[in-house]
């Protein structure tokens, strides 16, 4: 009798232990806010090439000092802060794609905020 009670108790404990082990859900990496298409105040939005964007590209290229010339600007996203951030994806004549962020302050000074990184802006 004691053996059957003991075996029942062990079986119940084993089942309880199995039911309480839970697998933690795999968390998806949070999307880059720079790449989101949801329109929110203070968020990023697509923009066309304007004289201000061209000035940001010029500041970026002079800062980069690349051995290859600029072929095209493929994508530009802006964010209004105390000034404007320009996230720029561009292609060089050697075929490489790079992206960087240039900040324009309220005095219209352009500064490279995030250094140029190889690869597309939003993969």
PDB file of N, CA and C in Angstrom:
ATOM      1  N   UNK A   1       0.817  -1.192   0.000  1.00  0.00           N
ATOM      2  CA  UNK A   1       0.000   0.000   0.000  1.00  0.00           C
ATOM      3  C   UNK A   1       0.867   1.264   0.000  1.00  0.00           C
ATOM      4  N   UNK A   2       1.881   1.259   0.873  1.00  0.00           N
ATOM      5  CA  UNK A   2       2.760   2.422   0.927  1.00  0.00           C
ATOM      6  C   UNK A   2       3.481   2.632  -0.396  1.00  0.00           C
ATOM      7  N   UNK A   3       3.804   1.538  -1.056  1.00  0.00           N
ATOM      8  CA  UNK A   3       4.511   1.635  -2.341  1.00  0.00           C
ATOM      9  C   UNK A   3       3.593   2.249  -3.399  1.00  0.00           C
ATOM     10  N   UNK A   4       2.324   1.868  -3.438  1.00  0.00           N
ATOM     11  CA  UNK A   4       1.406   2.429  -4.436  1.00  0.00           C
ATOM     12  C   UNK A   4       1.149   3.912  -4.171  1.00  0.00           C
ATOM     13  N   UNK A   5       1.051   4.299  -2.903  1.00  0.00           N
ATOM     14  CA  UNK A   5       0.857   5.726  -2.581  1.00  0.00           C
ATOM     15  C   UNK A   5       2.103   6.503  -2.961  1.00  0.00           C
ATOM     16  N   UNK A   6       3.264   5.962  -2.642  1.00  0.00           N
ATOM     17  CA  UNK A   6       4.522   6.622  -2.973  1.00  0.00           C
ATOM     18  C   UNK A   6       4.692   6.751  -4.483  1.00  0.00           C
ATOM     19  N   UNK A   7       4.363   5.691  -5.242  1.00  0.00           N
ATOM     20  CA  UNK A   7       4.477   5.779  -6.700  1.00  0.00           C
ATOM     21  C   UNK A   7       3.491   6.775  -7.276  1.00  0.00           C
ATOM     22  N   UNK A   8       2.283   6.835  -6.726  1.00  0.00           N
ATOM     23  CA  UNK A   8       1.300   7.811  -7.200  1.00  0.00           C
ATOM     24  C   UNK A   8       1.781   9.230  -6.930  1.00  0.00           C
ATOM     25  N   UNK A   9       2.345   9.419  -5.740  1.00  0.00           N
ATOM     26  CA  UNK A   9       2.860  10.738  -5.383  1.00  0.00           C
ATOM     27  C   UNK A   9       3.997  11.152  -6.317  1.00  0.00           C
ATOM     28  N   UNK A  10       4.913  10.260  -6.606  1.00  0.00           N
ATOM     29  CA  UNK A  10       6.033  10.556  -7.505  1.00  0.00           C
ATOM     30  C   UNK A  10       5.539  10.852  -8.929  1.00  0.00           C
ATOM     31  N   UNK A  11       4.565  10.096  -9.378  1.00  0.00           N
ATOM     32  CA  UNK A  11       4.009  10.334 -10.718  1.00  0.00           C
ATOM     33  C   UNK A  11       3.339  11.697 -10.779  1.00  0.00           C
ATOM     34  N   UNK A  12       2.598  12.061  -9.729  1.00  0.00           N
ATOM     35  CA  UNK A  12       1.931  13.366  -9.693  1.00  0.00           C
ATOM     36  C   UNK A  12       2.950  14.492  -9.678  1.00  0.00           C
ATOM     37  N   UNK A  13       4.021  14.327  -8.897  1.00  0.00           N
ATOM     38  CA  UNK A  13       5.071  15.352  -8.850  1.00  0.00           C
ATOM     39  C   UNK A  13       5.761  15.500 -10.205  1.00  0.00           C
ATOM     40  N   UNK A  14       5.997  14.368 -10.858  1.00  0.00           N
ATOM     41  CA  UNK A  14       6.640  14.414 -12.171  1.00  0.00           C
ATOM     42  C   UNK A  14       5.758  15.147 -13.177  1.00  0.00           C
ATOM     43  N   UNK A  15       4.463  14.877 -13.149  1.00  0.00           N
ATOM     44  CA  UNK A  15       3.542  15.550 -14.059  1.00  0.00           C
ATOM     45  C   UNK A  15       3.457  17.044 -13.759  1.00  0.00           C
ATOM     46  N   UNK A  16       3.441  17.412 -12.496  1.00  0.00           N
ATOM     47  CA  UNK A  16       3.387  18.827 -12.126  1.00  0.00           C
ATOM     48  C   UNK A  16       4.652  19.539 -12.578  1.00  0.00           C
ATOM     49  N   UNK A  17       5.791  18.878 -12.428  1.00  0.00           N
ATOM     50  CA  UNK A  17       7.051  19.488 -12.858  1.00  0.00           C
ATOM     51  C   UNK A  17       7.076  19.721 -14.355  1.00  0.00           C
ATOM     52  N   UNK A  18       6.530  18.780 -15.114  1.00  0.00           N
ATOM     53  CA  UNK A  18       6.500  18.927 -16.570  1.00  0.00           C
ATOM     54  C   UNK A  18       5.556  20.023 -17.010  1.00  0.00           C
ATOM     55  N   UNK A  19       4.443  20.162 -16.302  1.00  0.00           N
ATOM     56  CA  UNK A  19       3.466  21.157 -16.732  1.00  0.00           C
ATOM     57  C   UNK A  19       3.907  22.572 -16.394  1.00  0.00           C
ATOM     58  N   UNK A  20       4.811  22.732 -15.433  1.00  0.00           N
ATOM     59  CA  UNK A  20       5.222  24.070 -15.042  1.00  0.00           C
ATOM     60  C   UNK A  20       6.409  24.571 -15.837  1.00  0.00           C
ATOM     61  N   UNK A  21       7.071  23.699 -16.573  1.00  0.00           N
ATOM     62  CA  UNK A  21       8.158  24.185 -17.411  1.00  0.00           C
ATOM     63  C   UNK A  21       7.532  24.816 -18.636  1.00  0.00           C
ATOM     64  N   UNK A  22       7.792  26.075 -18.787  1.00  0.00           N
ATOM     65  CA  UNK A  22       7.231  26.775 -19.945  1.00  0.00           C
ATOM     66  C   UNK A  22       8.368  27.303 -20.789  1.00  0.00           C
ATOM     67  N   UNK A  23       8.154  27.268 -22.051  1.00  0.00           N
ATOM     68  CA  UNK A  23       9.148  27.811 -22.957  1.00  0.00           C
ATOM     69  C   UNK A  23       8.901  29.299 -23.080  1.00  0.00           C
ATOM     70  N   UNK A  24       9.969  30.072 -22.933  1.00  0.00           N
ATOM     71  CA  UNK A  24       9.800  31.511 -23.101  1.00  0.00           C
ATOM     72  C   UNK A  24       9.604  31.798 -24.583  1.00  0.00           C
ATOM     73  N   UNK A  25       8.665  32.671 -24.908  1.00  0.00           N
ATOM     74  CA  UNK A  25       8.414  32.940 -26.321  1.00  0.00           C
ATOM     75  C   UNK A  25       9.619  33.618 -26.955  1.00  0.00           C
ATOM     76  N   UNK A  26       9.859  33.264 -28.191  1.00  0.00           N
ATOM     77  CA  UNK A  26      10.950  33.891 -28.930  1.00  0.00           C
ATOM     78  C   UNK A  26      10.520  35.304 -29.270  1.00  0.00           C
ATOM     79  N   UNK A  27      11.311  36.254 -28.810  1.00  0.00           N
ATOM     80  CA  UNK A  27      10.965  37.645 -29.061  1.00  0.00           C
ATOM     81  C   UNK A  27      11.563  38.083 -30.392  1.00  0.00           C
ATOM     82  N   UNK A  28      10.706  38.656 -31.201  1.00  0.00           N
ATOM     83  CA  UNK A  28      11.158  39.215 -32.464  1.00  0.00           C
ATOM     84  C   UNK A  28      11.959  40.469 -32.158  1.00  0.00           C
ATOM     85  N   UNK A  29      13.009  40.737 -32.922  1.00  0.00           N
ATOM     86  CA  UNK A  29      13.731  41.979 -32.687  1.00  0.00           C
ATOM     87  C   UNK A  29      12.808  43.161 -32.968  1.00  0.00           C
ATOM     88  N   UNK A  30      12.905  44.167 -32.118  1.00  0.00           N
ATOM     89  CA  UNK A  30      12.021  45.313 -32.315  1.00  0.00           C
ATOM     90  C   UNK A  30      12.417  46.019 -33.605  1.00  0.00           C
ATOM     91  N   UNK A  31      11.432  46.430 -34.383  1.00  0.00           N
ATOM     92  CA  UNK A  31      11.741  47.055 -35.662  1.00  0.00           C
ATOM     93  C   UNK A  31      12.462  48.383 -35.442  1.00  0.00           C
ATOM     94  N   UNK A  32      13.346  48.685 -36.351  1.00  0.00           N
ATOM     95  CA  UNK A  32      14.081  49.940 -36.300  1.00  0.00           C
ATOM     96  C   UNK A  32      13.086  51.083 -36.478  1.00  0.00           C
ATOM     97  N   UNK A  33      12.979  52.017 -35.515  1.00  0.00           N
ATOM     98  CA  UNK A  33      12.011  53.109 -35.659  1.00  0.00           C
ATOM     99  C   UNK A  33      12.276  53.963 -36.889  1.00  0.00           C
ATOM    100  N   UNK A  34      13.507  53.967 -37.349  1.00  0.00           N
ATOM    101  CA  UNK A  34      13.842  54.722 -38.547  1.00  0.00           C
ATOM    102  C   UNK A  34      13.155  54.139 -39.776  1.00  0.00           C
ATOM    103  N   UNK A  35      12.851  52.846 -39.742  1.00  0.00           N
ATOM    104  CA  UNK A  35      12.302  52.163 -40.910  1.00  0.00           C
ATOM    105  C   UNK A  35      10.792  51.980 -40.868  1.00  0.00           C
ATOM    106  N   UNK A  36      10.151  52.330 -39.777  1.00  0.00           N
ATOM    107  CA  UNK A  36       8.716  52.111 -39.675  1.00  0.00           C
ATOM    108  C   UNK A  36       7.959  53.074 -40.584  1.00  0.00           C
ATOM    109  N   UNK A  37       6.863  52.585 -41.149  1.00  0.00           N
ATOM    110  CA  UNK A  37       6.069  53.424 -42.045  1.00  0.00           C
ATOM    111  C   UNK A  37       4.885  54.056 -41.320  1.00  0.00           C
ATOM    112  N   UNK A  38       4.722  53.711 -40.033  1.00  0.00           N
ATOM    113  CA  UNK A  38       3.622  54.276 -39.258  1.00  0.00           C
ATOM    114  C   UNK A  38       3.907  55.755 -39.003  1.00  0.00           C
ATOM    115  N   UNK A  39       2.953  56.601 -39.307  1.00  0.00           N
ATOM    116  CA  UNK A  39       3.129  58.040 -39.133  1.00  0.00           C
ATOM    117  C   UNK A  39       2.799  58.430 -37.693  1.00  0.00           C
ATOM    118  N   UNK A  40       3.833  58.853 -36.959  1.00  0.00           N
ATOM    119  CA  UNK A  40       3.631  59.298 -35.583  1.00  0.00           C
ATOM    120  C   UNK A  40       4.379  60.609 -35.378  1.00  0.00           C
ATOM    121  N   UNK A  41       3.901  61.458 -34.481  1.00  0.00           N
ATOM    122  CA  UNK A  41       4.616  62.713 -34.215  1.00  0.00           C
ATOM    123  C   UNK A  41       6.042  62.420 -33.743  1.00  0.00           C
ATOM    124  N   UNK A  42       7.000  63.097 -34.330  1.00  0.00           N
ATOM    125  CA  UNK A  42       8.395  62.883 -33.983  1.00  0.00           C
ATOM    126  C   UNK A  42       9.007  61.679 -34.662  1.00  0.00           C
ATOM    127  N   UNK A  43       8.231  60.988 -35.504  1.00  0.00           N
ATOM    128  CA  UNK A  43       8.731  59.801 -36.200  1.00  0.00           C
ATOM    129  C   UNK A  43       9.409  60.169 -37.513  1.00  0.00           C
ATOM    130  N   UNK A  44       9.820  59.160 -38.220  1.00  0.00           N
ATOM    131  CA  UNK A  44      10.513  59.319 -39.497  1.00  0.00           C
ATOM    132  C   UNK A  44       9.519  59.247 -40.639  1.00  0.00           C
ATOM    133  N   UNK A  45       9.777  59.994 -41.694  1.00  0.00           N
ATOM    134  CA  UNK A  45       8.918  59.934 -42.879  1.00  0.00           C
ATOM    135  C   UNK A  45       9.771  60.054 -44.136  1.00  0.00           C
ATOM    136  N   UNK A  46       9.286  59.434 -45.217  1.00  0.00           N
ATOM    137  CA  UNK A  46       9.977  59.514 -46.507  1.00  0.00           C
ATOM    138  C   UNK A  46       9.900  60.931 -47.030  1.00  0.00           C
ATOM    139  N   UNK A  47      10.922  61.337 -47.739  1.00  0.00           N
ATOM    140  CA  UNK A  47      10.937  62.670 -48.324  1.00  0.00           C
ATOM    141  C   UNK A  47      11.628  62.641 -49.677  1.00  0.00           C
ATOM    142  N   UNK A  48      11.377  63.664 -50.455  1.00  0.00           N
ATOM    143  CA  UNK A  48      12.000  63.796 -51.774  1.00  0.00           C
ATOM    144  C   UNK A  48      13.325  64.546 -51.638  1.00  0.00           C
ATOM    145  N   UNK A  49      14.080  64.560 -52.731  1.00  0.00           N
ATOM    146  CA  UNK A  49      15.333  65.309 -52.751  1.00  0.00           C
ATOM    147  C   UNK A  49      14.979  66.794 -52.901  1.00  0.00           C
ATOM    148  N   UNK A  50      15.314  67.555 -51.888  1.00  0.00           N
ATOM    149  CA  UNK A  50      15.099  69.007 -51.873  1.00  0.00           C
ATOM    150  C   UNK A  50      16.473  69.670 -51.743  1.00  0.00           C
ATOM    151  N   UNK A  51      16.542  70.988 -51.875  1.00  0.00           N
ATOM    152  CA  UNK A  51      17.840  71.654 -51.666  1.00  0.00           C
ATOM    153  C   UNK A  51      18.423  71.371 -50.272  1.00  0.00           C
ATOM    154  N   UNK A  52      17.568  71.267 -49.244  1.00  0.00           N
ATOM    155  CA  UNK A  52      18.064  70.956 -47.900  1.00  0.00           C
ATOM    156  C   UNK A  52      18.626  69.536 -47.838  1.00  0.00           C
ATOM    157  N   UNK A  53      17.959  68.594 -48.487  1.00  0.00           N
ATOM    158  CA  UNK A  53      18.446  67.217 -48.530  1.00  0.00           C
ATOM    159  C   UNK A  53      19.773  67.176 -49.287  1.00  0.00           C
ATOM    160  N   UNK A  54      19.866  67.906 -50.388  1.00  0.00           N
ATOM    161  CA  UNK A  54      21.108  67.944 -51.164  1.00  0.00           C
ATOM    162  C   UNK A  54      22.249  68.518 -50.327  1.00  0.00           C
ATOM    163  N   UNK A  55      21.954  69.535 -49.512  1.00  0.00           N
ATOM    164  CA  UNK A  55      22.979  70.098 -48.623  1.00  0.00           C
ATOM    165  C   UNK A  55      23.425  69.060 -47.587  1.00  0.00           C
ATOM    166  N   UNK A  56      22.484  68.266 -47.091  1.00  0.00           N
ATOM    167  CA  UNK A  56      22.832  67.204 -46.143  1.00  0.00           C
ATOM    168  C   UNK A  56      23.705  66.146 -46.819  1.00  0.00           C
ATOM    169  N   UNK A  57      23.377  65.785 -48.053  1.00  0.00           N
ATOM    170  CA  UNK A  57      24.170  64.810 -48.808  1.00  0.00           C
ATOM    171  C   UNK A  57      25.572  65.368 -49.045  1.00  0.00           C
ATOM    172  N   UNK A  58      25.663  66.636 -49.411  1.00  0.00           N
ATOM    173  CA  UNK A  58      26.971  67.255 -49.645  1.00  0.00           C
ATOM    174  C   UNK A  58      27.822  67.239 -48.370  1.00  0.00           C
ATOM    175  N   UNK A  59      27.196  67.540 -47.222  1.00  0.00           N
ATOM    176  CA  UNK A  59      27.922  67.518 -45.949  1.00  0.00           C
ATOM    177  C   UNK A  59      28.402  66.104 -45.648  1.00  0.00           C
ATOM    178  N   UNK A  60      27.565  65.121 -45.910  1.00  0.00           N
ATOM    179  CA  UNK A  60      27.918  63.735 -45.672  1.00  0.00           C
ATOM    180  C   UNK A  60      29.089  63.308 -46.551  1.00  0.00           C
ATOM    181  N   UNK A  61      29.021  63.614 -47.836  1.00  0.00           N
ATOM    182  CA  UNK A  61      30.067  63.183 -48.754  1.00  0.00           C
ATOM    183  C   UNK A  61      31.397  63.876 -48.455  1.00  0.00           C
ATOM    184  N   UNK A  62      31.357  65.138 -48.049  1.00  0.00           N
ATOM    185  CA  UNK A  62      32.619  65.818 -47.720  1.00  0.00           C
ATOM    186  C   UNK A  62      33.201  65.245 -46.426  1.00  0.00           C
ATOM    187  N   UNK A  63      32.346  64.785 -45.536  1.00  0.00           N
ATOM    188  CA  UNK A  63      32.812  64.189 -44.287  1.00  0.00           C
ATOM    189  C   UNK A  63      33.384  62.794 -44.519  1.00  0.00           C
ATOM    190  N   UNK A  64      32.802  62.061 -45.469  1.00  0.00           N
ATOM    191  CA  UNK A  64      33.214  60.684 -45.726  1.00  0.00           C
ATOM    192  C   UNK A  64      34.580  60.593 -46.364  1.00  0.00           C
ATOM    193  N   UNK A  65      34.872  61.487 -47.280  1.00  0.00           N
ATOM    194  CA  UNK A  65      36.146  61.418 -47.976  1.00  0.00           C
ATOM    195  C   UNK A  65      36.343  60.107 -48.705  1.00  0.00           C
ATOM    196  N   UNK A  66      35.303  59.616 -49.351  1.00  0.00           N
ATOM    197  CA  UNK A  66      35.346  58.327 -50.037  1.00  0.00           C
ATOM    198  C   UNK A  66      36.223  58.404 -51.286  1.00  0.00           C
ATOM    199  N   UNK A  67      36.790  57.250 -51.625  1.00  0.00           N
ATOM    200  CA  UNK A  67      37.582  57.164 -52.848  1.00  0.00           C
ATOM    201  C   UNK A  67      36.684  57.013 -54.064  1.00  0.00           C
ATOM    202  N   UNK A  68      35.421  56.718 -53.841  1.00  0.00           N
ATOM    203  CA  UNK A  68      34.473  56.548 -54.932  1.00  0.00           C
ATOM    204  C   UNK A  68      33.455  57.686 -54.888  1.00  0.00           C
ATOM    205  N   UNK A  69      33.027  58.116 -56.056  1.00  0.00           N
ATOM    206  CA  UNK A  69      32.078  59.222 -56.132  1.00  0.00           C
ATOM    207  C   UNK A  69      30.641  58.742 -55.916  1.00  0.00           C
ATOM    208  N   UNK A  70      29.798  59.688 -55.564  1.00  0.00           N
ATOM    209  CA  UNK A  70      28.376  59.420 -55.374  1.00  0.00           C
ATOM    210  C   UNK A  70      27.726  59.139 -56.723  1.00  0.00           C
ATOM    211  N   UNK A  71      26.973  58.038 -56.779  1.00  0.00           N
ATOM    212  CA  UNK A  71      26.219  57.726 -57.997  1.00  0.00           C
ATOM    213  C   UNK A  71      24.782  58.196 -57.862  1.00  0.00           C
ATOM    214  N   UNK A  72      24.127  57.850 -56.735  1.00  0.00           N
ATOM    215  CA  UNK A  72      22.724  58.228 -56.564  1.00  0.00           C
ATOM    216  C   UNK A  72      22.351  58.222 -55.089  1.00  0.00           C
ATOM    217  N   UNK A  73      21.312  58.974 -54.789  1.00  0.00           N
ATOM    218  CA  UNK A  73      20.693  58.933 -53.467  1.00  0.00           C
ATOM    219  C   UNK A  73      19.442  58.087 -53.649  1.00  0.00           C
ATOM    220  N   UNK A  74      19.396  56.931 -52.977  1.00  0.00           N
ATOM    221  CA  UNK A  74      18.308  55.983 -53.190  1.00  0.00           C
ATOM    222  C   UNK A  74      17.109  56.226 -52.285  1.00  0.00           C
ATOM    223  N   UNK A  75      17.355  56.698 -51.065  1.00  0.00           N
ATOM    224  CA  UNK A  75      16.253  56.871 -50.121  1.00  0.00           C
ATOM    225  C   UNK A  75      16.633  57.935 -49.105  1.00  0.00           C
ATOM    226  N   UNK A  76      15.645  58.772 -48.754  1.00  0.00           N
ATOM    227  CA  UNK A  76      15.855  59.772 -47.713  1.00  0.00           C
ATOM    228  C   UNK A  76      14.634  59.773 -46.804  1.00  0.00           C
ATOM    229  N   UNK A  77      14.885  59.723 -45.495  1.00  0.00           N
ATOM    230  CA  UNK A  77      13.825  59.830 -44.493  1.00  0.00           C
ATOM    231  C   UNK A  77      14.208  60.974 -43.572  1.00  0.00           C
ATOM    232  N   UNK A  78      13.210  61.733 -43.139  1.00  0.00           N
ATOM    233  CA  UNK A  78      13.476  62.862 -42.250  1.00  0.00           C
ATOM    234  C   UNK A  78      12.740  62.697 -40.938  1.00  0.00           C
ATOM    235  N   UNK A  79      13.290  63.339 -39.923  1.00  0.00           N
ATOM    236  CA  UNK A  79      12.679  63.368 -38.600  1.00  0.00           C
ATOM    237  C   UNK A  79      12.841  64.791 -38.071  1.00  0.00           C
ATOM    238  N   UNK A  80      11.712  65.392 -37.701  1.00  0.00           N
ATOM    239  CA  UNK A  80      11.758  66.739 -37.153  1.00  0.00           C
ATOM    240  C   UNK A  80      12.003  66.634 -35.658  1.00  0.00           C
ATOM    241  N   UNK A  81      13.098  67.230 -35.228  1.00  0.00           N
ATOM    242  CA  UNK A  81      13.463  67.309 -33.810  1.00  0.00           C
ATOM    243  C   UNK A  81      13.747  68.783 -33.563  1.00  0.00           C
ATOM    244  N   UNK A  82      14.658  69.134 -32.705  1.00  0.00           N
ATOM    245  CA  UNK A  82      15.051  70.540 -32.607  1.00  0.00           C
ATOM    246  C   UNK A  82      16.038  70.781 -33.747  1.00  0.00           C
ATOM    247  N   UNK A  83      15.522  70.783 -34.928  1.00  0.00           N
ATOM    248  CA  UNK A  83      16.253  70.768 -36.188  1.00  0.00           C
ATOM    249  C   UNK A  83      15.674  69.627 -37.004  1.00  0.00           C
ATOM    250  N   UNK A  84      16.461  69.060 -37.903  1.00  0.00           N
ATOM    251  CA  UNK A  84      15.983  67.941 -38.730  1.00  0.00           C
ATOM    252  C   UNK A  84      17.079  66.902 -38.863  1.00  0.00           C
ATOM    253  N   UNK A  85      16.699  65.637 -38.697  1.00  0.00           N
ATOM    254  CA  UNK A  85      17.579  64.513 -38.993  1.00  0.00           C
ATOM    255  C   UNK A  85      17.264  64.030 -40.396  1.00  0.00           C
ATOM    256  N   UNK A  86      18.306  63.784 -41.180  1.00  0.00           N
ATOM    257  CA  UNK A  86      18.157  63.222 -42.521  1.00  0.00           C
ATOM    258  C   UNK A  86      18.834  61.852 -42.530  1.00  0.00           C
ATOM    259  N   UNK A  87      18.057  60.797 -42.690  1.00  0.00           N
ATOM    260  CA  UNK A  87      18.612  59.451 -42.857  1.00  0.00           C
ATOM    261  C   UNK A  87      18.729  59.222 -44.356  1.00  0.00           C
ATOM    262  N   UNK A  88      19.938  58.979 -44.809  1.00  0.00           N
ATOM    263  CA  UNK A  88      20.222  58.947 -46.246  1.00  0.00           C
ATOM    264  C   UNK A  88      20.816  57.604 -46.635  1.00  0.00           C
ATOM    265  N   UNK A  89      20.211  56.985 -47.635  1.00  0.00           N
ATOM    266  CA  UNK A  89      20.783  55.778 -48.242  1.00  0.00           C
ATOM    267  C   UNK A  89      21.288  56.182 -49.615  1.00  0.00           C
ATOM    268  N   UNK A  90      22.541  55.855 -49.894  1.00  0.00           N
ATOM    269  CA  UNK A  90      23.123  56.287 -51.168  1.00  0.00           C
ATOM    270  C   UNK A  90      23.996  55.194 -51.757  1.00  0.00           C
ATOM    271  N   UNK A  91      24.206  55.316 -53.064  1.00  0.00           N
ATOM    272  CA  UNK A  91      24.997  54.334 -53.819  1.00  0.00           C
ATOM    273  C   UNK A  91      26.206  55.065 -54.401  1.00  0.00           C
ATOM    274  N   UNK A  92      27.364  54.431 -54.272  1.00  0.00           N
ATOM    275  CA  UNK A  92      28.590  54.992 -54.836  1.00  0.00           C
ATOM    276  C   UNK A  92      28.818  54.417 -56.229  1.00  0.00           C
ATOM    277  N   UNK A  93      29.657  55.074 -57.010  1.00  0.00           N
ATOM    278  CA  UNK A  93      29.924  54.607 -58.375  1.00  0.00           C
ATOM    279  C   UNK A  93      30.593  53.241 -58.407  1.00  0.00           C
ATOM    280  N   UNK A  94      31.225  52.834 -57.298  1.00  0.00           N
ATOM    281  CA  UNK A  94      31.827  51.505 -57.263  1.00  0.00           C
ATOM    282  C   UNK A  94      30.788  50.422 -56.930  1.00  0.00           C
ATOM    283  N   UNK A  95      29.497  50.822 -56.787  1.00  0.00           N
ATOM    284  CA  UNK A  95      28.410  49.877 -56.558  1.00  0.00           C
ATOM    285  C   UNK A  95      28.039  49.669 -55.101  1.00  0.00           C
ATOM    286  N   UNK A  96      28.830  50.185 -54.169  1.00  0.00           N
ATOM    287  CA  UNK A  96      28.529  50.000 -52.755  1.00  0.00           C
ATOM    288  C   UNK A  96      27.337  50.849 -52.327  1.00  0.00           C
ATOM    289  N   UNK A  97      26.515  50.286 -51.431  1.00  0.00           N
ATOM    290  CA  UNK A  97      25.380  51.017 -50.856  1.00  0.00           C
ATOM    291  C   UNK A  97      25.733  51.326 -49.408  1.00  0.00           C
ATOM    292  N   UNK A  98      25.510  52.568 -48.997  1.00  0.00           N
ATOM    293  CA  UNK A  98      25.822  53.037 -47.650  1.00  0.00           C
ATOM    294  C   UNK A  98      24.628  53.806 -47.109  1.00  0.00           C
ATOM    295  N   UNK A  99      24.611  54.007 -45.796  1.00  0.00           N
ATOM    296  CA  UNK A  99      23.603  54.871 -45.194  1.00  0.00           C
ATOM    297  C   UNK A  99      24.207  55.602 -43.992  1.00  0.00           C
ATOM    298  N   UNK A 100      23.640  56.772 -43.717  1.00  0.00           N
ATOM    299  CA  UNK A 100      24.112  57.589 -42.596  1.00  0.00           C
ATOM    300  C   UNK A 100      22.996  58.538 -42.196  1.00  0.00           C
ATOM    301  N   UNK A 101      23.173  59.198 -41.052  1.00  0.00           N
ATOM    302  CA  UNK A 101      22.215  60.203 -40.596  1.00  0.00           C
ATOM    303  C   UNK A 101      22.958  61.530 -40.452  1.00  0.00           C
ATOM    304  N   UNK A 102      22.394  62.556 -41.046  1.00  0.00           N
ATOM    305  CA  UNK A 102      22.941  63.910 -40.960  1.00  0.00           C
ATOM    306  C   UNK A 102      21.932  64.763 -40.206  1.00  0.00           C
ATOM    307  N   UNK A 103      22.414  65.549 -39.273  1.00  0.00           N
ATOM    308  CA  UNK A 103      21.559  66.433 -38.465  1.00  0.00           C
ATOM    309  C   UNK A 103      21.759  67.874 -38.903  1.00  0.00           C
ATOM    310  N   UNK A 104      20.656  68.594 -39.103  1.00  0.00           N
ATOM    311  CA  UNK A 104      20.708  70.037 -39.391  1.00  0.00           C
ATOM    312  C   UNK A 104      20.110  70.750 -38.194  1.00  0.00           C
ATOM    313  N   UNK A 105      20.912  71.591 -37.542  1.00  0.00           N
ATOM    314  CA  UNK A 105      20.396  72.300 -36.374  1.00  0.00           C
ATOM    315  C   UNK A 105      19.603  73.539 -36.789  1.00  0.00           C
ATOM    316  N   UNK A 106      19.112  74.272 -35.828  1.00  0.00           N
ATOM    317  CA  UNK A 106      18.263  75.435 -36.111  1.00  0.00           C
ATOM    318  C   UNK A 106      19.025  76.583 -36.760  1.00  0.00           C
ATOM    319  N   UNK A 107      20.354  76.551 -36.712  1.00  0.00           N
ATOM    320  CA  UNK A 107      21.166  77.578 -37.385  1.00  0.00           C
ATOM    321  C   UNK A 107      21.568  77.136 -38.787  1.00  0.00           C
ATOM    322  N   UNK A 108      21.003  76.020 -39.258  1.00  0.00           N
ATOM    323  CA  UNK A 108      21.280  75.444 -40.581  1.00  0.00           C
ATOM    324  C   UNK A 108      22.706  74.925 -40.724  1.00  0.00           C
ATOM    325  N   UNK A 109      23.288  74.451 -39.622  1.00  0.00           N
ATOM    326  CA  UNK A 109      24.579  73.769 -39.682  1.00  0.00           C
ATOM    327  C   UNK A 109      24.302  72.285 -39.875  1.00  0.00           C
ATOM    328  N   UNK A 110      25.009  71.655 -40.816  1.00  0.00           N
ATOM    329  CA  UNK A 110      24.838  70.227 -41.088  1.00  0.00           C
ATOM    330  C   UNK A 110      25.983  69.459 -40.444  1.00  0.00           C
ATOM    331  N   UNK A 111      25.631  68.404 -39.687  1.00  0.00           N
ATOM    332  CA  UNK A 111      26.630  67.576 -39.023  1.00  0.00           C
ATOM    333  C   UNK A 111      26.271  66.109 -39.200  1.00  0.00           C
ATOM    334  N   UNK A 112      27.266  65.281 -39.448  1.00  0.00           N
ATOM    335  CA  UNK A 112      27.026  63.845 -39.559  1.00  0.00           C
ATOM    336  C   UNK A 112      26.774  63.330 -38.149  1.00  0.00           C
ATOM    337  N   UNK A 113      25.568  62.826 -37.926  1.00  0.00           N
ATOM    338  CA  UNK A 113      25.155  62.389 -36.594  1.00  0.00           C
ATOM    339  C   UNK A 113      25.468  60.913 -36.355  1.00  0.00           C
ATOM    340  N   UNK A 114      25.204  60.061 -37.336  1.00  0.00           N
ATOM    341  CA  UNK A 114      25.545  58.640 -37.272  1.00  0.00           C
ATOM    342  C   UNK A 114      26.450  58.360 -38.465  1.00  0.00           C
ATOM    343  N   UNK A 115      27.639  57.873 -38.198  1.00  0.00           N
ATOM    344  CA  UNK A 115      28.612  57.694 -39.264  1.00  0.00           C
ATOM    345  C   UNK A 115      28.083  56.750 -40.343  1.00  0.00           C
ATOM    346  N   UNK A 116      28.635  56.907 -41.519  1.00  0.00           N
ATOM    347  CA  UNK A 116      28.211  56.082 -42.658  1.00  0.00           C
ATOM    348  C   UNK A 116      28.506  54.621 -42.382  1.00  0.00           C
ATOM    349  N   UNK A 117      27.508  53.792 -42.716  1.00  0.00           N
ATOM    350  CA  UNK A 117      27.586  52.348 -42.504  1.00  0.00           C
ATOM    351  C   UNK A 117      27.252  51.645 -43.818  1.00  0.00           C
ATOM    352  N   UNK A 118      28.016  50.625 -44.187  1.00  0.00           N
ATOM    353  CA  UNK A 118      27.680  49.920 -45.428  1.00  0.00           C
ATOM    354  C   UNK A 118      26.341  49.194 -45.297  1.00  0.00           C
ATOM    355  N   UNK A 119      25.631  49.146 -46.408  1.00  0.00           N
ATOM    356  CA  UNK A 119      24.358  48.428 -46.449  1.00  0.00           C
ATOM    357  C   UNK A 119      23.192  49.378 -46.590  1.00  0.00           C
ATOM    358  N   UNK A 120      22.004  48.820 -46.880  1.00  0.00           N
ATOM    359  CA  UNK A 120      20.823  49.650 -47.058  1.00  0.00           C
ATOM    360  C   UNK A 120      20.349  50.237 -45.736  1.00  0.00           C
ATOM    361  N   UNK A 121      19.603  51.305 -45.838  1.00  0.00           N
ATOM    362  CA  UNK A 121      19.062  51.988 -44.672  1.00  0.00           C
ATOM    363  C   UNK A 121      18.091  51.082 -43.913  1.00  0.00           C
ATOM    364  N   UNK A 122      17.180  50.484 -44.637  1.00  0.00           N
ATOM    365  CA  UNK A 122      16.183  49.587 -44.032  1.00  0.00           C
ATOM    366  C   UNK A 122      16.201  48.270 -44.793  1.00  0.00           C
ATOM    367  N   UNK A 123      16.940  47.279 -44.255  1.00  0.00           N
ATOM    368  CA  UNK A 123      17.045  46.003 -44.979  1.00  0.00           C
ATOM    369  C   UNK A 123      15.716  45.272 -45.065  1.00  0.00           C
TER     370      UNK A 123
END
